Amino acid sequence: MSAAILTQIFHTLRANKLRSLLTMFGIGWGVLSIILMTASGEGFKIAQHESLKLLGKDILIIWGGRTSLQAKGFQAGRDIRLEVSDYEVIRDKATYISHVSPEIIRGDLVAKTTLNYGTFSTRGVVPAYQWMRTITVEWGRLLNPADESEARLVAVIGSEVNKQLFNEAISVGDTMTLNGHPFTVIGILPHKELNNTYQGQDHSAIFIPYSTMRRLFSNPYLGSNPRLVNNLIATPIRHEFWAEAEREVRQLLGEKKHFDPSDEDAVGIWNTAKQVEMMDIMMSSMQWFLGTVGLVTLLLGAVGVINIMLVSVRERTVEIGLRKSVGARRRDILWQFFMESLAITMTAGGIGMLTGWLLCEAINQLPFEEMVFAGMIISPEIALIAFGALVLIGMGAGIYPAYMAAQLDPIEALRFEAG
């Protein structure tokens, strides 16, 4: 951009101070709005993603319900109870499921040490459960296949359990009792708060092998059948196959338990991958709405740029006539006024973008719950959209005034002064 154009922009803005200030404020505010609104939406979306990741890897939590449709000679209203054989069917036959685990949950088992005692949520699971639920240990190790196959008396405990029973000591290798049965602590979980839970926080839970739970602690709330389980936990082979995985689970269980696979009341499934997708749609819709509000503000600012440049064209009519009379071409006039409009728009928008970035950085220094809000996240897509909108608005605002200036007849322009 030449020095002459920059000088003329300065004179144009100075000649229309109030109108120029309001116009540039409108453009800057429009860009600022796009950045702040979309960045906040991105922060909420990422927080929800991370929250669900802490719960598990695109997991399906499956539990028994009650049929609402007649099927295969059975009346509606029949209770469906999940058994370990249902886990085995899904494990052996499902093609869209990569891992699956049964889960027995007892909330009434008393854990004791020489220091203290307490009642915690105790869960009997197979080792794959830990991978699906993204469970890690801070000390020791997780449950392994040998623990399951041999029904060992071992336990992985949450940080709050360790705090209450062992006074926060590193208790790996120590012994506690569950309803009088001695268990060796093999692992301690780090403290991890979950926004989404289905059986309480992991840091207040005890995990033992499923085979051990089934042998020692059949769940009285499930009835007399020792093969009954509270839930099945499964994960699809890939995130994009969550719908196929859910349909396959209903199909396999429907065939085994004689209910219609389309009967969603027969078996309940909480599909976190589906929840992620729905959350993405909701957050993206919110971002587009908020971004559109900012874009409308930006468009209003563009109207102001057009007005300023039209006033500038009028005030410089004689100048345009003189330039044309000494050989300036239409495209020279067109280019000058177009670049002036674009420069005004980009300057105001650049200030808005810089202000938006600084505000986002300032907000990110404030304390907030990261599982609810991950901060003001300016993604490359957001920056590209804001910059692209700014360029298009600037070009659009400059075309009409530049065209009007280029179309002026030099003779009529020179007569303008006499008028």
Protein backbone atom coordinates (compact mmCIF):
# COMPACT_ATOMS: atom_id res chain seq x y z
CA MET A 1 0.00 0.00 0.00
CA SER A 2 1.52 3.32 -1.11
CA ALA A 3 2.23 6.26 1.17
CA ALA A 4 -0.21 8.37 -0.88
CA ILE A 5 -3.09 6.02 -0.11
CA LEU A 6 -2.19 5.96 3.60
CA THR A 7 -2.05 9.76 3.64
CA GLN A 8 -5.43 10.01 1.95
CA ILE A 9 -6.96 7.51 4.41
CA PHE A 10 -5.73 9.70 7.27
CA HIS A 11 -7.26 12.81 5.70
CA THR A 12 -10.55 10.99 5.05
CA LEU A 13 -10.81 9.82 8.65
CA ARG A 14 -9.83 13.21 10.03
CA ALA A 15 -12.43 14.99 7.88
CA ASN A 16 -15.19 12.74 9.26
CA LYS A 17 -14.00 12.18 12.82
CA LEU A 18 -17.23 11.15 14.57
CA ARG A 19 -18.57 9.09 11.70
CA SER A 20 -15.18 7.40 11.26
CA LEU A 21 -14.86 6.65 14.96
CA LEU A 22 -18.32 5.10 15.16
CA THR A 23 -17.75 3.09 11.99
CA MET A 24 -14.40 1.72 13.09
CA PHE A 25 -15.85 0.95 16.52
CA GLY A 26 -18.67 -1.00 14.85
CA ILE A 27 -16.25 -3.04 12.77
CA GLY A 28 -13.90 -3.66 15.70
CA TRP A 29 -16.79 -4.61 17.96
CA GLY A 30 -18.14 -7.00 15.32
CA VAL A 31 -14.82 -8.85 15.03
CA LEU A 32 -14.40 -8.80 18.82
CA SER A 33 -17.89 -10.29 19.22
CA ILE A 34 -17.17 -13.09 16.76
CA ILE A 35 -13.97 -14.02 18.59
CA LEU A 36 -15.34 -13.82 22.14
CA MET A 37 -18.60 -15.61 21.42
CA THR A 38 -17.12 -18.44 19.39
CA ALA A 39 -14.13 -18.81 21.75
CA SER A 40 -16.42 -19.19 24.76
CA GLY A 41 -18.48 -21.80 22.90
CA GLU A 42 -15.29 -23.70 22.06
CA GLY A 43 -14.28 -23.61 25.71
CA PHE A 44 -17.57 -25.15 26.83
CA LYS A 45 -17.39 -27.81 24.10
CA ILE A 46 -13.84 -28.88 24.95
CA ALA A 47 -14.70 -29.04 28.66
CA GLN A 48 -17.60 -31.38 27.97
CA HIS A 49 -15.40 -33.57 25.77
CA GLU A 50 -12.74 -33.85 28.46
CA SER A 51 -15.36 -34.54 31.12
CA LEU A 52 -16.76 -37.46 29.14
CA LYS A 53 -13.26 -38.76 28.37
CA LEU A 54 -12.63 -39.02 32.12
CA LEU A 55 -15.71 -41.23 32.39
CA GLY A 56 -14.62 -43.51 29.57
CA LYS A 57 -13.60 -44.15 25.97
CA ASP A 58 -16.92 -43.79 24.09
CA ILE A 59 -18.52 -46.26 26.47
CA LEU A 60 -21.94 -47.88 26.40
CA ILE A 61 -23.37 -48.42 29.89
CA ILE A 62 -26.02 -51.14 29.53
CA TRP A 63 -28.63 -52.15 32.13
CA GLY A 64 -31.80 -54.16 32.22
CA GLY A 65 -35.22 -52.58 31.91
CA ARG A 66 -38.81 -53.62 31.19
CA THR A 67 -40.27 -54.45 27.78
CA SER A 68 -42.85 -52.12 26.28
CA LEU A 69 -43.56 -54.17 23.14
CA GLN A 70 -44.91 -57.66 22.58
CA ALA A 71 -42.35 -59.95 20.97
CA LYS A 72 -41.87 -63.66 20.26
CA GLY A 73 -44.98 -64.68 22.17
CA PHE A 74 -44.14 -62.66 25.28
CA GLN A 75 -46.37 -59.89 26.66
CA ALA A 76 -45.10 -56.36 27.21
CA GLY A 77 -44.11 -55.40 30.75
CA ARG A 78 -41.60 -58.22 31.27
CA ASP A 79 -38.49 -57.46 33.34
CA ILE A 80 -35.16 -57.95 31.58
CA ARG A 81 -32.30 -58.87 33.90
CA LEU A 82 -28.71 -58.92 32.67
CA GLU A 83 -26.53 -61.95 33.35
CA VAL A 84 -22.89 -62.82 32.91
CA SER A 85 -23.92 -64.93 29.90
CA ASP A 86 -25.07 -61.71 28.21
CA TYR A 87 -21.55 -60.36 28.64
CA GLU A 88 -20.19 -63.56 27.10
CA VAL A 89 -22.53 -63.31 24.09
CA ILE A 90 -21.49 -59.71 23.38
CA ARG A 91 -17.81 -60.53 23.94
CA ASP A 92 -17.90 -63.51 21.56
CA LYS A 93 -20.33 -62.38 18.84
CA ALA A 94 -20.35 -58.59 18.59
CA THR A 95 -18.39 -57.23 15.61
CA TYR A 96 -18.75 -53.52 16.45
CA ILE A 97 -17.69 -53.92 20.10
CA SER A 98 -13.98 -53.95 20.95
CA HIS A 99 -14.19 -54.46 24.73
CA VAL A 100 -16.92 -55.39 27.19
CA SER A 101 -17.08 -56.03 30.93
CA PRO A 102 -19.73 -57.17 33.40
CA GLU A 103 -20.09 -55.09 36.55
CA ILE A 104 -21.43 -56.06 39.96
CA ILE A 105 -21.79 -53.17 42.40
CA ARG A 106 -22.13 -53.42 46.17
CA GLY A 107 -22.58 -50.31 48.25
CA ASP A 108 -22.88 -52.06 51.60
CA LEU A 109 -19.53 -53.84 52.01
CA VAL A 110 -17.57 -52.67 55.05
CA ALA A 111 -13.86 -52.07 54.48
CA LYS A 112 -11.62 -52.15 57.56
CA THR A 113 -7.98 -51.59 58.45
CA THR A 114 -6.21 -51.22 61.75
CA LEU A 115 -6.63 -47.46 61.40
CA ASN A 116 -10.24 -47.02 60.34
CA TYR A 117 -13.24 -48.47 58.54
CA GLY A 118 -15.89 -47.31 56.08
CA THR A 119 -18.53 -48.32 53.57
CA PHE A 120 -17.65 -47.67 49.94
CA SER A 121 -18.95 -48.52 46.49
CA THR A 122 -17.25 -51.81 45.65
CA ARG A 123 -17.27 -52.92 42.02
CA GLY A 124 -16.45 -56.31 40.57
CA VAL A 125 -15.09 -55.91 37.03
CA VAL A 126 -12.82 -57.59 34.50
CA PRO A 127 -9.51 -55.88 33.54
CA ALA A 128 -10.90 -54.46 30.24
CA TYR A 129 -13.24 -52.28 32.33
CA GLN A 130 -10.29 -50.20 33.53
CA TRP A 131 -9.16 -49.41 29.98
CA MET A 132 -12.68 -48.50 28.88
CA ARG A 133 -13.17 -46.25 31.90
CA THR A 134 -9.72 -44.58 31.48
CA ILE A 135 -8.80 -45.65 35.01
CA THR A 136 -5.13 -45.22 35.91
CA VAL A 137 -3.15 -45.71 39.12
CA GLU A 138 -0.92 -43.25 40.93
CA TRP A 139 0.74 -46.04 42.90
CA GLY A 140 0.92 -49.76 42.23
CA ARG A 141 -0.86 -51.49 39.36
CA LEU A 142 -4.30 -52.19 37.93
CA LEU A 143 -6.21 -55.47 37.95
CA ASN A 144 -4.78 -57.94 35.42
CA PRO A 145 -6.08 -61.13 33.70
CA ALA A 146 -4.41 -63.39 36.30
CA ASP A 147 -6.29 -61.60 39.10
CA GLU A 148 -9.54 -62.37 37.26
CA SER A 149 -8.81 -65.97 36.23
CA GLU A 150 -7.62 -66.94 39.73
CA ALA A 151 -10.25 -64.87 41.59
CA ARG A 152 -7.53 -63.25 43.69
CA LEU A 153 -8.29 -61.25 46.82
CA VAL A 154 -6.79 -58.01 45.50
CA ALA A 155 -8.17 -54.49 45.25
CA VAL A 156 -7.51 -51.18 43.54
CA ILE A 157 -8.75 -48.35 45.76
CA GLY A 158 -9.64 -44.71 45.16
CA SER A 159 -7.68 -41.86 46.71
CA GLU A 160 -10.48 -41.03 49.17
CA VAL A 161 -10.68 -44.67 50.26
CA ASN A 162 -6.91 -44.67 50.81
CA LYS A 163 -7.19 -41.43 52.79
CA GLN A 164 -9.87 -42.83 55.11
CA LEU A 165 -8.50 -46.34 55.56
CA PHE A 166 -4.73 -45.74 55.46
CA ASN A 167 -4.40 -42.06 56.38
CA GLU A 168 -3.08 -41.23 52.86
CA ALA A 169 -0.06 -43.54 53.24
CA ILE A 170 1.16 -45.43 50.16
CA SER A 171 -0.80 -48.56 51.03
CA VAL A 172 0.23 -50.76 48.09
CA GLY A 173 0.91 -54.21 49.55
CA ASP A 174 -1.07 -53.51 52.72
CA THR A 175 -4.13 -55.48 53.78
CA MET A 176 -7.70 -54.44 54.38
CA THR A 177 -10.81 -56.55 54.91
CA LEU A 178 -14.09 -56.45 52.98
CA ASN A 179 -16.84 -57.93 55.14
CA GLY A 180 -14.15 -59.91 56.93
CA HIS A 181 -12.29 -61.19 53.84
CA PRO A 182 -8.63 -60.04 53.63
CA PHE A 183 -7.74 -58.13 50.44
CA THR A 184 -4.32 -56.89 49.38
CA VAL A 185 -4.19 -53.36 48.00
CA ILE A 186 -2.40 -53.49 44.63
CA GLY A 187 -3.14 -49.99 43.34
CA ILE A 188 -4.21 -46.49 44.39
CA LEU A 189 -6.09 -44.22 41.98
CA PRO A 190 -5.23 -40.52 41.63
CA HIS A 191 -7.89 -38.04 42.67
CA LYS A 192 -10.19 -37.48 39.70
CA GLU A 193 -13.44 -35.54 39.82
CA LEU A 194 -16.09 -36.62 37.33
CA ASN A 195 -18.92 -34.39 36.12
CA ASN A 196 -20.66 -37.40 34.60
CA THR A 197 -21.04 -40.48 36.78
CA TYR A 198 -23.43 -43.39 36.97
CA GLN A 199 -22.31 -44.97 40.27
CA GLY A 200 -20.48 -42.19 42.11
CA GLN A 201 -16.91 -40.93 41.98
CA ASP A 202 -14.08 -43.35 41.24
CA HIS A 203 -11.91 -41.85 43.98
CA SER A 204 -14.44 -43.12 46.54
CA ALA A 205 -14.67 -46.65 45.09
CA ILE A 206 -12.98 -50.03 45.46
CA PHE A 207 -12.38 -52.22 42.39
CA ILE A 208 -11.91 -55.98 42.71
CA PRO A 209 -11.91 -58.83 40.15
CA TYR A 210 -15.36 -59.75 38.88
CA SER A 211 -14.74 -63.45 39.63
CA THR A 212 -13.86 -62.60 43.23
CA MET A 213 -16.96 -60.44 43.67
CA ARG A 214 -19.18 -63.15 42.23
CA ARG A 215 -17.61 -65.85 44.46
CA LEU A 216 -17.70 -63.91 47.73
CA PHE A 217 -20.30 -61.16 47.48
CA SER A 218 -23.37 -62.00 45.40
CA ASN A 219 -25.57 -58.91 45.23
CA PRO A 220 -28.73 -59.37 47.33
CA TYR A 221 -30.43 -56.56 45.39
CA LEU A 222 -30.16 -58.56 42.17
CA GLY A 223 -32.03 -61.58 43.53
CA SER A 224 -31.03 -65.16 44.17
CA ASN A 225 -29.46 -65.78 40.76
CA PRO A 226 -25.66 -65.51 41.28
CA ARG A 227 -25.14 -64.94 37.55
CA LEU A 228 -26.98 -61.63 37.52
CA VAL A 229 -24.99 -58.39 37.03
CA ASN A 230 -25.81 -54.72 37.54
CA ASN A 231 -24.45 -53.44 34.24
CA LEU A 232 -22.45 -54.26 31.17
CA ILE A 233 -19.84 -51.75 30.03
CA ALA A 234 -18.78 -51.82 26.36
CA THR A 235 -16.96 -49.65 23.85
CA PRO A 236 -17.24 -49.57 20.04
CA ILE A 237 -14.35 -50.52 17.76
CA ARG A 238 -14.14 -46.86 16.68
CA HIS A 239 -15.94 -43.68 17.71
CA GLU A 240 -17.83 -43.36 14.42
CA PHE A 241 -19.41 -46.82 14.90
CA TRP A 242 -21.26 -45.95 18.12
CA ALA A 243 -24.70 -46.26 16.49
CA GLU A 244 -23.89 -49.64 14.93
CA ALA A 245 -22.48 -50.86 18.25
CA GLU A 246 -25.66 -49.87 20.10
CA ARG A 247 -27.90 -51.56 17.51
CA GLU A 248 -25.78 -54.72 17.64
CA VAL A 249 -26.00 -54.91 21.43
CA ARG A 250 -29.80 -54.61 21.30
CA GLN A 251 -29.95 -57.19 18.49
CA LEU A 252 -27.84 -59.77 20.34
CA LEU A 253 -29.60 -59.28 23.68
CA GLY A 254 -33.01 -59.24 21.95
CA GLU A 255 -32.34 -62.61 20.34
CA LYS A 256 -31.08 -64.10 23.60
CA LYS A 257 -33.76 -62.68 25.88
CA HIS A 258 -36.66 -62.73 23.41
CA PHE A 259 -37.52 -59.05 23.13
CA ASP A 260 -37.87 -56.77 20.13
CA PRO A 261 -34.48 -55.08 19.41
CA SER A 262 -36.33 -51.85 18.64
CA ASP A 263 -37.77 -51.84 22.18
CA GLU A 264 -35.49 -49.32 23.87
CA ASP A 265 -37.25 -49.78 27.23
CA ALA A 266 -36.21 -53.43 27.40
CA VAL A 267 -32.54 -52.57 27.78
CA GLY A 268 -31.27 -49.14 28.74
CA ILE A 269 -28.07 -47.85 27.12
CA TRP A 270 -26.24 -44.69 28.02
CA ASN A 271 -24.01 -44.10 25.01
CA THR A 272 -21.39 -41.46 25.79
CA ALA A 273 -20.27 -41.30 22.13
CA LYS A 274 -23.84 -40.35 21.22
CA GLN A 275 -23.82 -37.76 23.98
CA VAL A 276 -20.59 -36.28 22.61
CA GLU A 277 -22.14 -36.00 19.16
CA MET A 278 -25.29 -34.35 20.50
CA MET A 279 -23.16 -31.99 22.59
CA ASP A 280 -21.12 -31.08 19.51
CA ILE A 281 -24.27 -30.30 17.54
CA MET A 282 -25.66 -28.16 20.35
CA MET A 283 -22.40 -26.29 20.93
CA SER A 284 -21.78 -25.79 17.22
CA SER A 285 -25.28 -24.39 16.80
CA MET A 286 -24.66 -22.02 19.69
CA GLN A 287 -21.34 -20.94 18.18
CA TRP A 288 -22.90 -20.31 14.79
CA PHE A 289 -25.69 -18.28 16.39
CA LEU A 290 -23.31 -16.18 18.46
CA GLY A 291 -20.97 -15.79 15.50
CA THR A 292 -23.87 -14.62 13.36
CA VAL A 293 -24.70 -11.94 15.94
CA GLY A 294 -21.14 -10.68 15.65
CA LEU A 295 -21.29 -10.87 11.85
CA VAL A 296 -24.43 -8.70 11.80
CA THR A 297 -22.59 -6.10 13.87
CA LEU A 298 -19.73 -6.32 11.40
CA LEU A 299 -22.11 -5.77 8.48
CA LEU A 300 -23.50 -2.66 10.15
CA GLY A 301 -19.95 -1.39 10.45
CA ALA A 302 -19.44 -2.06 6.74
CA VAL A 303 -22.43 0.16 5.95
CA GLY A 304 -20.66 2.91 7.87
CA VAL A 305 -17.51 2.42 5.79
CA ILE A 306 -19.58 2.73 2.60
CA ASN A 307 -21.11 6.00 3.87
CA ILE A 308 -17.71 7.43 4.77
CA MET A 309 -16.25 6.57 1.41
CA LEU A 310 -19.26 7.98 -0.47
CA VAL A 311 -18.82 11.25 1.44
CA SER A 312 -15.13 11.13 0.58
CA VAL A 313 -15.95 10.60 -3.11
CA ARG A 314 -18.25 13.62 -3.05
CA GLU A 315 -15.72 15.82 -1.28
CA ARG A 316 -12.98 14.76 -3.71
CA THR A 317 -15.02 15.03 -6.90
CA VAL A 318 -12.88 17.85 -8.30
CA GLU A 319 -9.70 15.97 -7.39
CA ILE A 320 -10.99 12.94 -9.26
CA GLY A 321 -11.84 15.11 -12.28
CA LEU A 322 -8.36 16.66 -12.30
CA ARG A 323 -6.65 13.26 -12.04
CA LYS A 324 -8.70 11.89 -14.91
CA SER A 325 -8.06 14.97 -17.04
CA VAL A 326 -4.29 14.45 -16.74
CA GLY A 327 -4.46 10.77 -17.69
CA ALA A 328 -5.56 8.77 -14.63
CA ARG A 329 -7.46 5.67 -15.70
CA ARG A 330 -10.72 4.44 -14.23
CA ARG A 331 -8.98 1.44 -12.72
CA ASP A 332 -6.50 3.75 -10.96
CA ILE A 333 -9.35 5.63 -9.30
CA LEU A 334 -11.18 2.35 -8.60
CA TRP A 335 -8.08 0.82 -7.01
CA GLN A 336 -7.35 3.84 -4.81
CA PHE A 337 -10.82 4.09 -3.29
CA PHE A 338 -11.11 0.32 -2.97
CA MET A 339 -7.82 0.12 -1.07
CA GLU A 340 -8.83 3.02 1.15
CA SER A 341 -12.06 1.23 2.13
CA LEU A 342 -10.26 -2.06 2.68
CA ALA A 343 -7.56 -0.39 4.77
CA ILE A 344 -10.10 1.28 7.05
CA THR A 345 -11.94 -2.03 7.52
CA MET A 346 -8.79 -4.09 8.14
CA THR A 347 -7.35 -1.54 10.57
CA ALA A 348 -10.51 -1.47 12.68
CA GLY A 349 -10.87 -5.26 12.42
CA GLY A 350 -7.23 -5.82 13.35
CA ILE A 351 -7.73 -3.75 16.49
CA GLY A 352 -10.82 -5.84 17.27
CA MET A 353 -8.93 -9.11 16.76
CA LEU A 354 -6.03 -8.00 18.95
CA THR A 355 -8.43 -6.83 21.67
CA GLY A 356 -10.30 -10.14 21.47
CA TRP A 357 -7.09 -12.15 21.82
CA LEU A 358 -5.95 -10.06 24.79
CA LEU A 359 -9.34 -10.41 26.50
CA CYS A 360 -9.30 -14.18 25.98
CA GLU A 361 -5.82 -14.39 27.50
CA ALA A 362 -6.94 -12.26 30.45
CA ILE A 363 -10.06 -14.39 31.05
CA ASN A 364 -7.97 -17.57 30.90
CA GLN A 365 -5.96 -16.31 33.87
CA LEU A 366 -9.09 -16.36 36.05
CA PRO A 367 -9.88 -19.42 38.18
CA PHE A 368 -12.74 -21.59 36.88
CA GLU A 369 -13.84 -25.20 36.91
CA GLU A 370 -12.02 -26.76 33.94
CA MET A 371 -14.50 -29.62 33.67
CA VAL A 372 -17.28 -27.08 33.10
CA PHE A 373 -15.39 -24.47 31.08
CA ALA A 374 -11.98 -25.02 29.47
CA GLY A 375 -11.34 -21.33 28.93
CA MET A 376 -11.55 -18.98 25.95
CA ILE A 377 -10.24 -21.16 23.15
CA ILE A 378 -9.40 -19.37 19.88
CA SER A 379 -9.06 -22.28 17.49
CA PRO A 380 -7.43 -21.85 14.04
CA GLU A 381 -10.90 -22.25 12.53
CA ILE A 382 -12.28 -19.37 14.61
CA ALA A 383 -9.37 -17.09 13.70
CA LEU A 384 -9.72 -18.01 10.01
CA ILE A 385 -13.47 -17.37 10.02
CA ALA A 386 -13.05 -14.00 11.74
CA PHE A 387 -10.28 -12.94 9.36
CA GLY A 388 -12.15 -14.20 6.30
CA ALA A 389 -15.32 -12.39 7.31
CA LEU A 390 -13.32 -9.22 7.87
CA VAL A 391 -11.69 -9.40 4.42
CA LEU A 392 -15.00 -10.09 2.67
CA ILE A 393 -16.72 -7.24 4.52
CA GLY A 394 -13.86 -4.90 3.68
CA MET A 395 -13.94 -5.83 0.01
CA GLY A 396 -17.72 -5.55 -0.11
CA ALA A 397 -17.67 -2.15 1.57
CA GLY A 398 -15.11 -0.79 -0.86
CA ILE A 399 -16.57 -1.94 -4.17
CA TYR A 400 -19.53 0.45 -4.45
CA PRO A 401 -17.79 3.71 -3.42
CA ALA A 402 -14.80 2.82 -5.60
CA TYR A 403 -17.09 2.10 -8.55
CA MET A 404 -18.93 5.42 -8.06
CA ALA A 405 -15.62 7.30 -7.98
CA ALA A 406 -14.30 5.52 -11.09
CA GLN A 407 -17.50 6.26 -13.05
CA LEU A 408 -17.33 10.05 -12.56
CA ASP A 409 -17.05 11.95 -15.83
CA PRO A 410 -14.00 14.26 -15.64
CA ILE A 411 -15.83 17.22 -17.23
CA GLU A 412 -18.81 16.90 -14.89
CA ALA A 413 -16.42 16.48 -11.98
CA LEU A 414 -14.63 19.73 -12.81
CA ARG A 415 -17.98 21.54 -13.13
CA PHE A 416 -18.80 20.38 -9.61
CA GLU A 417 -16.52 23.07 -8.16
CA ALA A 418 -18.32 25.82 -10.07
CA GLY A 419 -21.64 24.47 -8.82
